[in-house]
Structures are given as C-alpha cells and as structure tokens.
Amino acid sequence: EVLQNHVLEAKVFHTEYGTGVAILTGAHRFSLTTNIDDLKLRRMPEVPGLQKPPSCWAVLSQDRVTIVLLAVGQDLYLLDNTSCSVVVSEPRRVSVGSRAVCSPPHSLAGPFPCPPAVPRAALQPPALAGRSFPLLSHGQACTAGTPGPILARGKEVRIEWAQEASQEIFKIASMAPGALLLEAQKEYEKESQKADEYLREIKDQKLLPEAVSQCIEAAGYEHEPDTQKSLLRAASFGKCFIDKFPPEGFVRMCQDLRVLNAIRDYQIGIPLTFTQYKRLTIEVLLDRLVLRRLYPLAIRICEYLRLSEIQGVSRILAHWACYKVQQKDKSDEEVAHAINQKLGDTPGISYSEIASRAYDCGRTELAIKLLEYEPRSGEQVPLLLKMKRSKLALSKAIESGDTDL
C-alpha cells in the first residue's frame, strides 16, 4: 500500500526500545513500525470520513503501546492497534494553529496515555498556549510551580495557561480596551486616522488606564520579544494620554522582561515563565546562575537591577572566587593575583572565607597568599593557626597591635 499510494508525511518517534516511524499514505491511512532496525509496518485502523490529510497528528508511545492521535476538523481521533475512537468532539473544541486553546471541560484530558510527569489535573481550563504543540512521548514536565516546558528528546514544548489579559487582547474580534489600544498604536505607526478613532473609543468609555495596564500585564506572559515590544509600545502610547499615570509598573515590567529574555536565550537555557520568575524571586534565580557558573550574566543582572553589593555582585564574586581556588591547572600565584584583581576591595567579601575554601581543597600556600589581602587580622590569625602556621600567625597578631590576638 505504501508503494502504491506514496508517502504524504512521516514522523519519527522514540521509545524505550528503539526508534520508530509512522507514515501517512496517499490513501489517508496510517502505518507504523516501532523499530526501524526490524522494519515491519503495521497498518492502523481507518479513520471514518478522512478524505484529506489531518490538520495535525502525533505519535504517542508508552508501556509498549503506540497510538496515533490526529485532528480532523474539530474532532480528535485516537488510533490504536484495533480501533479508531473519538477523543474530543462538540461541544468541546480545540483550535489548531500557532496557539492551541482548549475549552472546558478537560478538552485535552482524553483517554490517551499522558506522560507520568504531566498529571491529568494539570490539563485543565482555561487554555493552553504556545508556539507549537506536538504531543510527545516520554516527556518530562519542568514546571517550577506553574505549567511550563515539557522536555523531550531533542526538543522543548511550552505548555502554559493563557492568562486573562492575553486572552482579552488576542482573541478574535476582541473589543477589550487592551486590544483596542494595541490596534490604535499599530495604526499610529502607519500614520492612519484609525488610531484616533480607536483611541477616542477607549477614552469615551474611560478605560484608557485599564487598557494600558492590560497591555503591560499581557507583555509579561508573552515569550516572543517582538510581541512583548508591541504590547509595551502600545502601553507607552496609551500612557501619553493619561495624566499622572504611575510609571513604576511599566518600568518594572521592562526590567523583568529583559532579565527573562536573557535567561531564556538558548545559550543559557532557563525557560522560566513570568509567574515562575516572580515566585522564585531574583535571589533564587541568581543562585541558579551561580550554580551553573554563569557568573558574568549574574553580575550583569545585579548591575542592571541595581541590587545592593552584598545581595548581588559581592555574593556572586565570592562564589566565583571559591570556584576559582578549586582549579588545579594554574599556579597559586596566578590564582591569587586573578582573584585580587577581580575582587579588589569590594565590600561584603571576606578573603578569609575564600582562603578557608582553598585550604579545604588542599592548597595551603594559596590560602596563605589570599590571607595577605584580608584587611582584618582577627580573620587572618585563627585560620593561620588552623593551618599550623604559628609563626606567621604570631607575626600578624603583633602587626595588628591587638592585645587579645
């Protein structure tokens, strides 16, 4: 059949036992094999009334069972070895496109096997939104408290509830104040008189402050920088027509999005949502960057957000120095000099703590050299005694003039 009807589309999928491939033929029938090394195509049951390729389809494989899930119009069909069954039909709807939106009740929580890491309770209304929405097998949810990315072999799919502000602005034919303000700003860029018409409509309803706040809020939930900028430009445009609109929320959102876009970059790979970012707090995010040894980015974020030295830059530099002393490929003199050049007299940094870490790593001479930069004799002497350098400890105590030492 495959040779006679040709192949319209094929999808490669992975199981615990090997790599498989599913094929859609010109006769609009599905065939698949779960192991390409032992190529035995199995024809799946026919989908009733399927006269053209489905709008989308995916292969799910779990516990030695492989099924095909496909969308035909507003229906979802499930193909297993023996039957074809409808998963979703009216009045429950699924729209297929760059955004997948499911309406209640539990439109996507059908009888197909969910990956263990994605509980059925997570698939609830109001909506799911993302750039793409292939269903994956053997995925792992990484939620940090909210719906987020599902990590699978070689790709990441983001699943997230569409927030109310985003729904109000982007739903079809929306007349929400945020949607009208966004259109007004776009028309203004085109130098069209429609901008004034949209703006007057919002102002006549006295909803301009709400429109600005809606655009600011929606920008936080968007993951595409272009969409974020479009919403923030609309908010900035609307602010110009409001007396004494508080700028703090707009400025804070711009800062948060700049940080989020930096850590979402593929070279960093921390795809936090805005909600997750707020729950984690900036301190926890900085700790994650430090654990990944992304010190330059962590420092730039601290400087950009103008965090206090002790809370931000000093703490990160101290972590960097403690990591630096563990590197065995450089001499003690080089490491000590590099640390002093980077740290200098930065407030909140204790050279004695860094020296203690060096001593714990078996680098006693490096620890002694680092203690030379410690301005407090009370921190030098105890560590020198711990390292059994009594003469040097006595010398430092005498130099300090502290009789207690």
Protein backbone atom coordinates (compact mmCIF):
# COMPACT_ATOMS: atom_id res chain seq x y z
CA GLU A 1 0.00 0.00 0.00
CA VAL A 2 2.82 2.42 0.85
CA LEU A 3 4.47 1.82 -2.52
CA GLN A 4 1.19 2.20 -4.41
CA ASN A 5 -0.12 5.33 -2.67
CA HIS A 6 3.15 7.08 -1.86
CA VAL A 7 4.03 8.73 1.45
CA LEU A 8 2.40 12.07 2.27
CA GLU A 9 4.04 12.55 5.66
CA ALA A 10 6.18 10.63 8.12
CA LYS A 11 7.07 11.16 11.78
CA VAL A 12 9.97 9.63 13.64
CA PHE A 13 9.35 8.79 17.30
CA HIS A 14 11.40 7.28 20.09
CA THR A 15 10.56 4.56 22.58
CA GLU A 16 12.48 2.84 25.33
CA TYR A 17 13.26 0.04 22.90
CA GLY A 18 14.32 1.88 19.77
CA THR A 19 13.38 4.37 17.08
CA GLY A 20 10.11 4.04 15.19
CA VAL A 21 8.46 5.75 12.24
CA ALA A 22 4.80 6.46 11.44
CA ILE A 23 3.65 7.03 7.85
CA LEU A 24 0.60 8.73 6.35
CA THR A 25 -0.05 7.39 2.84
CA GLY A 26 -1.80 8.94 -0.14
CA ALA A 27 -4.86 6.83 0.70
CA HIS A 28 -5.02 8.70 4.03
CA ARG A 29 -4.18 5.58 6.01
CA PHE A 30 -1.60 5.32 8.78
CA SER A 31 1.07 2.66 9.08
CA LEU A 32 3.86 2.44 11.62
CA THR A 33 6.74 0.41 12.91
CA THR A 34 8.17 0.70 16.40
CA ASN A 35 11.66 -0.40 15.39
CA ILE A 36 13.31 0.71 12.15
CA ASP A 37 16.02 -1.93 12.61
CA ASP A 38 13.32 -4.60 12.25
CA LEU A 39 11.08 -2.92 9.67
CA LYS A 40 7.62 -4.46 9.93
CA LEU A 41 4.94 -1.93 9.02
CA ARG A 42 1.65 -2.31 10.86
CA ARG A 43 -1.41 -0.71 9.26
CA MET A 44 -3.60 1.24 11.68
CA PRO A 45 -7.44 1.24 11.55
CA GLU A 46 -9.13 3.53 9.03
CA VAL A 47 -10.36 6.95 10.14
CA PRO A 48 -14.00 7.33 9.05
CA GLY A 49 -14.59 10.12 6.54
CA LEU A 50 -10.94 11.11 6.24
CA GLN A 51 -10.67 12.45 2.67
CA LYS A 52 -7.66 14.74 3.16
CA PRO A 53 -4.61 14.84 5.44
CA PRO A 54 -5.45 15.73 9.07
CA SER A 55 -4.64 19.25 10.23
CA CYS A 56 -2.12 17.77 12.67
CA TRP A 57 -1.19 14.41 14.12
CA ALA A 58 1.25 12.95 16.61
CA VAL A 59 2.52 9.58 17.78
CA LEU A 60 2.33 8.60 21.45
CA SER A 61 4.22 5.63 22.80
CA GLN A 62 4.22 4.33 26.35
CA ASP A 63 4.41 0.97 28.09
CA ARG A 64 4.88 -0.93 24.80
CA VAL A 65 1.69 0.65 23.39
CA THR A 66 1.94 3.01 20.41
CA ILE A 67 -1.02 5.08 19.26
CA VAL A 68 -1.68 7.88 16.77
CA LEU A 69 -3.59 11.00 17.79
CA LEU A 70 -4.92 13.15 14.94
CA ALA A 71 -7.13 16.20 14.49
CA VAL A 72 -9.80 16.26 11.78
CA GLY A 73 -11.74 19.49 11.79
CA GLN A 74 -12.86 20.00 15.37
CA ASP A 75 -12.54 16.33 16.34
CA LEU A 76 -9.64 14.37 17.76
CA TYR A 77 -9.28 10.70 16.83
CA LEU A 78 -7.25 8.06 18.61
CA LEU A 79 -5.88 5.12 16.61
CA ASP A 80 -4.64 2.03 18.39
CA ASN A 81 -3.94 -1.47 17.11
CA THR A 82 -7.59 -2.45 16.85
CA SER A 83 -9.87 0.58 16.71
CA CYS A 84 -10.40 4.25 15.93
CA SER A 85 -12.16 6.27 18.64
CA VAL A 86 -13.16 9.92 19.02
CA VAL A 87 -11.39 11.72 21.84
CA VAL A 88 -12.78 15.25 21.56
CA SER A 89 -15.96 16.26 19.81
CA GLU A 90 -18.52 19.07 20.11
CA PRO A 91 -19.29 20.92 22.34
CA ARG A 92 -15.65 20.70 23.42
CA ARG A 93 -13.42 22.43 20.92
CA VAL A 94 -9.77 22.50 20.02
CA SER A 95 -8.40 25.14 17.69
CA VAL A 96 -5.29 24.25 15.75
CA GLY A 97 -2.72 26.89 14.91
CA SER A 98 0.21 28.69 16.45
CA ARG A 99 -1.90 28.80 19.63
CA ALA A 100 -3.83 25.77 20.87
CA VAL A 101 -6.81 26.68 23.04
CA CYS A 102 -8.95 24.06 24.71
CA SER A 103 -12.30 24.87 26.22
CA PRO A 104 -13.73 23.08 29.25
CA PRO A 105 -14.30 20.56 30.44
CA HIS A 106 -10.81 18.98 30.25
CA SER A 107 -10.66 19.06 26.48
CA LEU A 108 -7.20 17.56 26.24
CA ALA A 109 -7.58 15.16 29.16
CA GLY A 110 -8.92 12.37 26.99
CA PRO A 111 -8.29 8.63 27.34
CA PHE A 112 -4.87 8.77 25.69
CA PRO A 113 -1.88 7.93 27.94
CA CYS A 114 -0.32 11.07 29.39
CA PRO A 115 3.38 11.03 30.27
CA PRO A 116 3.72 10.27 34.01
CA ALA A 117 5.31 13.66 34.69
CA VAL A 118 2.25 15.52 33.34
CA PRO A 119 -0.70 14.76 35.64
CA ARG A 120 -4.18 14.90 34.17
CA ALA A 121 -5.08 17.52 36.74
CA ALA A 122 -2.63 19.84 35.01
CA LEU A 123 -4.65 19.74 31.79
CA GLN A 124 -7.49 21.96 32.89
CA PRO A 125 -9.17 25.13 31.63
CA PRO A 126 -9.00 27.94 30.75
CA ALA A 127 -6.49 27.49 27.95
CA LEU A 128 -3.16 26.25 26.71
CA ALA A 129 -0.91 28.48 24.64
CA GLY A 130 2.42 28.03 22.92
CA ARG A 131 4.35 28.49 19.72
CA SER A 132 3.87 24.81 18.83
CA PHE A 133 2.02 21.95 20.44
CA PRO A 134 3.13 18.50 19.30
CA LEU A 135 2.22 15.77 21.76
CA LEU A 136 5.33 14.00 22.94
CA SER A 137 6.08 10.62 24.41
CA HIS A 138 8.41 10.11 27.34
CA GLY A 139 8.39 13.81 28.13
CA GLN A 140 9.31 15.40 31.41
CA ALA A 141 7.46 18.41 32.79
CA CYS A 142 9.60 21.13 34.31
CA THR A 143 7.07 23.38 35.98
CA ALA A 144 8.65 25.19 38.97
CA GLY A 145 5.18 25.70 40.37
CA THR A 146 3.24 26.53 37.18
CA PRO A 147 2.60 24.94 33.79
CA GLY A 148 5.77 25.31 31.76
CA PRO A 149 8.04 23.47 29.34
CA ILE A 150 7.84 19.76 28.65
CA LEU A 151 11.29 18.45 27.86
CA ALA A 152 11.57 15.51 25.50
CA ARG A 153 14.14 14.04 23.17
CA GLY A 154 15.84 16.89 21.37
CA LYS A 155 13.11 19.49 21.81
CA GLU A 156 11.13 21.53 24.28
CA VAL A 157 7.43 22.32 24.09
CA ARG A 158 5.97 25.05 26.26
CA ILE A 159 2.55 24.47 27.78
CA GLU A 160 1.11 27.38 29.71
CA TRP A 161 -2.31 28.66 30.66
CA ALA A 162 -3.26 31.67 28.56
CA GLN A 163 -3.70 34.44 31.11
CA GLU A 164 -6.84 36.57 31.11
CA ALA A 165 -5.04 39.70 29.89
CA SER A 166 -3.60 37.81 26.90
CA GLN A 167 -6.94 36.22 26.08
CA GLU A 168 -8.73 39.57 26.19
CA ILE A 169 -6.22 41.21 23.86
CA PHE A 170 -5.60 38.45 21.33
CA LYS A 171 -8.91 36.66 20.99
CA ILE A 172 -10.68 37.10 17.67
CA ALA A 173 -12.70 40.32 17.26
CA SER A 174 -11.88 41.39 20.80
CA MET A 175 -13.21 44.78 21.88
CA ALA A 176 -11.29 44.77 25.17
CA PRO A 177 -9.57 48.08 25.95
CA GLY A 178 -6.13 46.49 25.66
CA ALA A 179 -6.95 45.09 22.21
CA LEU A 180 -8.19 48.48 21.01
CA LEU A 181 -5.10 50.23 22.36
CA LEU A 182 -2.85 47.74 20.59
CA GLU A 183 -4.68 48.39 17.32
CA ALA A 184 -4.51 52.14 17.90
CA GLN A 185 -0.75 52.00 18.31
CA LYS A 186 -0.33 49.90 15.16
CA GLU A 187 -2.47 52.33 13.16
CA TYR A 188 -0.49 55.25 14.59
CA GLU A 189 2.72 53.71 13.25
CA LYS A 190 1.01 53.52 9.84
CA GLU A 191 0.04 57.21 10.20
CA SER A 192 -3.60 56.20 9.85
CA GLN A 193 -6.54 58.20 11.20
CA LYS A 194 -7.96 54.96 12.60
CA ALA A 195 -5.56 55.40 15.51
CA ASP A 196 -7.56 58.41 16.67
CA GLU A 197 -10.83 56.52 16.26
CA TYR A 198 -9.65 53.60 18.40
CA LEU A 199 -8.20 55.94 21.00
CA ARG A 200 -11.39 58.00 21.23
CA GLU A 201 -13.44 54.85 21.66
CA ILE A 202 -11.31 53.84 24.66
CA LYS A 203 -11.30 57.33 26.18
CA ASP A 204 -15.06 57.73 25.77
CA GLN A 205 -15.50 54.62 27.92
CA LYS A 206 -12.90 55.95 30.39
CA LEU A 207 -10.96 52.71 30.05
CA LEU A 208 -7.59 54.06 28.95
CA PRO A 209 -5.80 53.33 32.28
CA GLU A 210 -7.22 49.79 32.18
CA ALA A 211 -6.05 49.39 28.57
CA VAL A 212 -2.50 50.44 29.47
CA SER A 213 -2.41 48.10 32.48
CA GLN A 214 -3.79 45.26 30.34
CA CYS A 215 -1.06 45.67 27.73
CA ILE A 216 1.66 45.82 30.40
CA GLU A 217 0.34 42.68 32.10
CA ALA A 218 -0.04 40.75 28.83
CA ALA A 219 3.54 41.59 27.82
CA GLY A 220 4.79 39.64 30.83
CA TYR A 221 3.09 36.44 29.69
CA GLU A 222 4.41 36.58 26.12
CA HIS A 223 7.59 34.69 25.20
CA GLU A 224 8.30 36.27 21.83
CA PRO A 225 10.30 39.53 22.19
CA ASP A 226 8.53 41.05 19.18
CA THR A 227 5.13 40.54 20.81
CA GLN A 228 6.44 41.89 24.10
CA LYS A 229 7.73 45.03 22.37
CA SER A 230 4.46 45.51 20.51
CA LEU A 231 2.46 45.39 23.75
CA LEU A 232 4.86 47.66 25.62
CA ARG A 233 4.83 50.16 22.76
CA ALA A 234 1.03 50.17 22.95
CA ALA A 235 1.20 50.75 26.71
CA SER A 236 3.71 53.57 26.26
CA PHE A 237 1.49 55.09 23.57
CA GLY A 238 -1.54 54.99 25.84
CA LYS A 239 0.35 56.48 28.79
CA CYS A 240 0.91 59.67 26.80
CA PHE A 241 -2.81 60.44 27.02
CA ILE A 242 -3.15 59.84 30.77
CA ASP A 243 -2.33 62.44 33.40
CA LYS A 244 -0.11 61.18 36.20
CA PHE A 245 -0.10 57.51 35.22
CA PRO A 246 2.30 55.77 37.68
CA PRO A 247 5.36 54.64 35.69
CA GLU A 248 6.65 52.08 38.20
CA GLY A 249 4.69 49.12 36.79
CA PHE A 250 5.79 49.82 33.22
CA VAL A 251 9.46 50.23 34.20
CA ARG A 252 9.42 47.12 36.37
CA MET A 253 7.88 45.04 33.57
CA CYS A 254 10.55 46.23 31.12
CA GLN A 255 13.25 45.21 33.60
CA ASP A 256 11.67 41.82 34.29
CA LEU A 257 11.28 41.03 30.59
CA ARG A 258 14.86 41.98 29.84
CA VAL A 259 16.05 39.59 32.55
CA LEU A 260 13.69 36.82 31.38
CA ASN A 261 14.73 37.16 27.74
CA ALA A 262 18.38 36.96 28.78
CA ILE A 263 17.96 33.70 30.70
CA ARG A 264 15.64 32.19 28.06
CA ASP A 265 18.36 32.50 25.43
CA TYR A 266 19.34 29.09 24.05
CA GLN A 267 22.89 29.55 25.33
CA ILE A 268 21.58 29.91 28.89
CA GLY A 269 18.56 27.60 28.74
CA ILE A 270 16.42 28.63 31.74
CA PRO A 271 12.94 28.95 30.16
CA LEU A 272 11.09 30.46 33.12
CA THR A 273 7.65 31.94 32.73
CA PHE A 274 6.86 35.34 34.21
CA THR A 275 4.84 33.70 37.00
CA GLN A 276 7.66 31.30 37.85
CA TYR A 277 10.17 34.14 37.85
CA LYS A 278 8.09 36.09 40.35
CA ARG A 279 7.62 33.06 42.59
CA LEU A 280 11.28 32.11 42.57
CA THR A 281 12.47 35.67 43.34
CA ILE A 282 15.58 37.25 41.85
CA GLU A 283 17.78 35.86 44.65
CA VAL A 284 16.92 32.26 43.75
CA LEU A 285 17.46 32.97 40.05
CA LEU A 286 20.92 34.38 40.80
CA ASP A 287 21.70 31.27 42.84
CA ARG A 288 20.76 29.11 39.83
CA LEU A 289 23.02 31.12 37.56
CA VAL A 290 25.86 30.81 40.08
CA LEU A 291 25.38 27.04 40.30
CA ARG A 292 25.69 26.91 36.50
CA ARG A 293 28.80 29.11 36.78
CA LEU A 294 27.20 31.81 34.65
CA TYR A 295 28.92 34.50 36.71
CA PRO A 296 29.11 37.27 34.05
CA LEU A 297 25.36 37.11 33.35
CA ALA A 298 24.54 37.04 37.07
CA ILE A 299 26.68 40.13 37.65
CA ARG A 300 25.13 41.99 34.71
CA ILE A 301 21.64 41.24 36.07
CA CYS A 302 22.65 42.56 39.51
CA GLU A 303 24.04 45.74 37.99
CA TYR A 304 21.02 46.21 35.73
CA LEU A 305 18.54 45.78 38.59
CA ARG A 306 20.78 47.88 40.86
CA LEU A 307 20.82 45.32 43.63
CA SER A 308 22.86 46.07 46.73
CA GLU A 309 26.50 44.97 46.67
CA ILE A 310 26.08 42.46 49.48
CA GLN A 311 22.91 40.97 47.96
CA GLY A 312 24.24 40.94 44.43
CA VAL A 313 27.70 41.46 42.95
CA SER A 314 29.72 40.80 46.14
CA ARG A 315 27.96 37.49 46.79
CA ILE A 316 28.46 36.33 43.20
CA LEU A 317 32.13 37.31 43.14
CA ALA A 318 32.66 35.41 46.39
CA HIS A 319 31.13 32.30 44.78
CA TRP A 320 33.35 32.80 41.74
CA ALA A 321 36.47 33.10 43.89
CA CYS A 322 35.60 29.93 45.82
CA TYR A 323 35.23 28.12 42.50
CA LYS A 324 38.48 29.62 41.20
CA VAL A 325 40.58 28.18 44.04
CA GLN A 326 39.47 24.67 43.04
CA GLN A 327 41.10 24.96 39.61
CA LYS A 328 44.34 22.99 39.67
CA ASP A 329 45.61 23.97 36.22
CA LYS A 330 47.06 27.31 37.41
CA SER A 331 49.72 28.17 39.97
CA ASP A 332 48.94 29.60 43.39
CA GLU A 333 50.40 32.98 42.41
CA GLU A 334 48.26 33.22 39.26
CA VAL A 335 45.05 32.30 41.07
CA ALA A 336 45.68 34.65 43.99
CA HIS A 337 46.51 37.53 41.64
CA ALA A 338 43.44 36.87 39.44
CA ILE A 339 41.15 36.83 42.48
CA ASN A 340 42.61 40.05 43.89
CA GLN A 341 42.38 41.77 40.50
CA LYS A 342 38.71 40.84 40.19
CA LEU A 343 37.63 41.40 43.80
CA GLY A 344 39.85 44.27 44.91
CA ASP A 345 38.26 45.93 47.94
CA THR A 346 34.68 45.05 47.02
CA PRO A 347 32.54 45.44 50.15
CA GLY A 348 30.98 42.36 51.67
CA ILE A 349 33.69 39.94 50.50
CA SER A 350 35.80 38.04 53.03
CA TYR A 351 39.17 36.89 51.75
CA SER A 352 39.46 34.67 54.82
CA GLU A 353 36.43 32.63 53.68
CA ILE A 354 37.98 32.19 50.23
CA ALA A 355 41.29 31.23 51.85
CA SER A 356 39.46 28.70 54.02
CA ARG A 357 37.96 27.12 50.89
CA ALA A 358 41.44 26.96 49.32
CA TYR A 359 42.79 25.26 52.45
CA ASP A 360 39.94 22.73 52.37
CA CYS A 361 40.93 21.99 48.75
CA GLY A 362 44.48 21.20 49.88
CA ARG A 363 46.04 24.44 48.60
CA THR A 364 47.64 25.76 51.76
CA GLU A 365 50.09 28.11 50.02
CA LEU A 366 47.26 29.66 48.02
CA ALA A 367 45.29 30.16 51.23
CA ILE A 368 48.25 31.99 52.80
CA LYS A 369 48.60 34.24 49.77
CA LEU A 370 44.88 35.07 49.85
CA LEU A 371 45.09 35.94 53.54
CA GLU A 372 47.58 38.66 52.63
CA TYR A 373 44.65 40.53 51.08
CA GLU A 374 42.46 40.14 54.19
CA PRO A 375 42.46 43.51 56.00
CA ARG A 376 41.17 42.13 59.32
CA SER A 377 43.81 40.48 61.48
CA GLY A 378 41.08 38.87 63.55
CA GLU A 379 40.17 36.82 60.46
CA GLN A 380 43.78 36.04 59.49
CA VAL A 381 45.15 34.69 62.77
CA PRO A 382 42.59 31.90 63.51
CA LEU A 383 42.94 30.46 60.00
CA LEU A 384 46.75 30.59 60.13
CA LEU A 385 46.65 28.70 63.42
CA LYS A 386 44.31 26.16 61.85
CA MET A 387 46.87 25.69 59.07
CA LYS A 388 49.59 25.21 61.73
CA ARG A 389 51.45 28.36 60.68
CA SER A 390 52.04 29.59 64.22
CA LYS A 391 54.99 31.89 63.48
CA LEU A 392 53.13 33.67 60.71
CA ALA A 393 50.04 33.91 62.92
CA LEU A 394 52.12 35.46 65.72
CA SER A 395 53.66 37.92 63.29
CA LYS A 396 50.21 39.01 62.04
CA ALA A 397 48.95 39.35 65.63
CA ILE A 398 51.89 41.57 66.59
CA GLU A 399 51.42 43.73 63.48
CA SER A 400 47.75 44.26 64.34
CA GLY A 401 48.55 45.71 67.79
CA ASP A 402 45.53 43.86 69.18
CA THR A 403 46.47 42.52 72.62
CA ASP A 404 43.64 39.98 72.53
CA LEU A 405 45.19 38.37 69.45
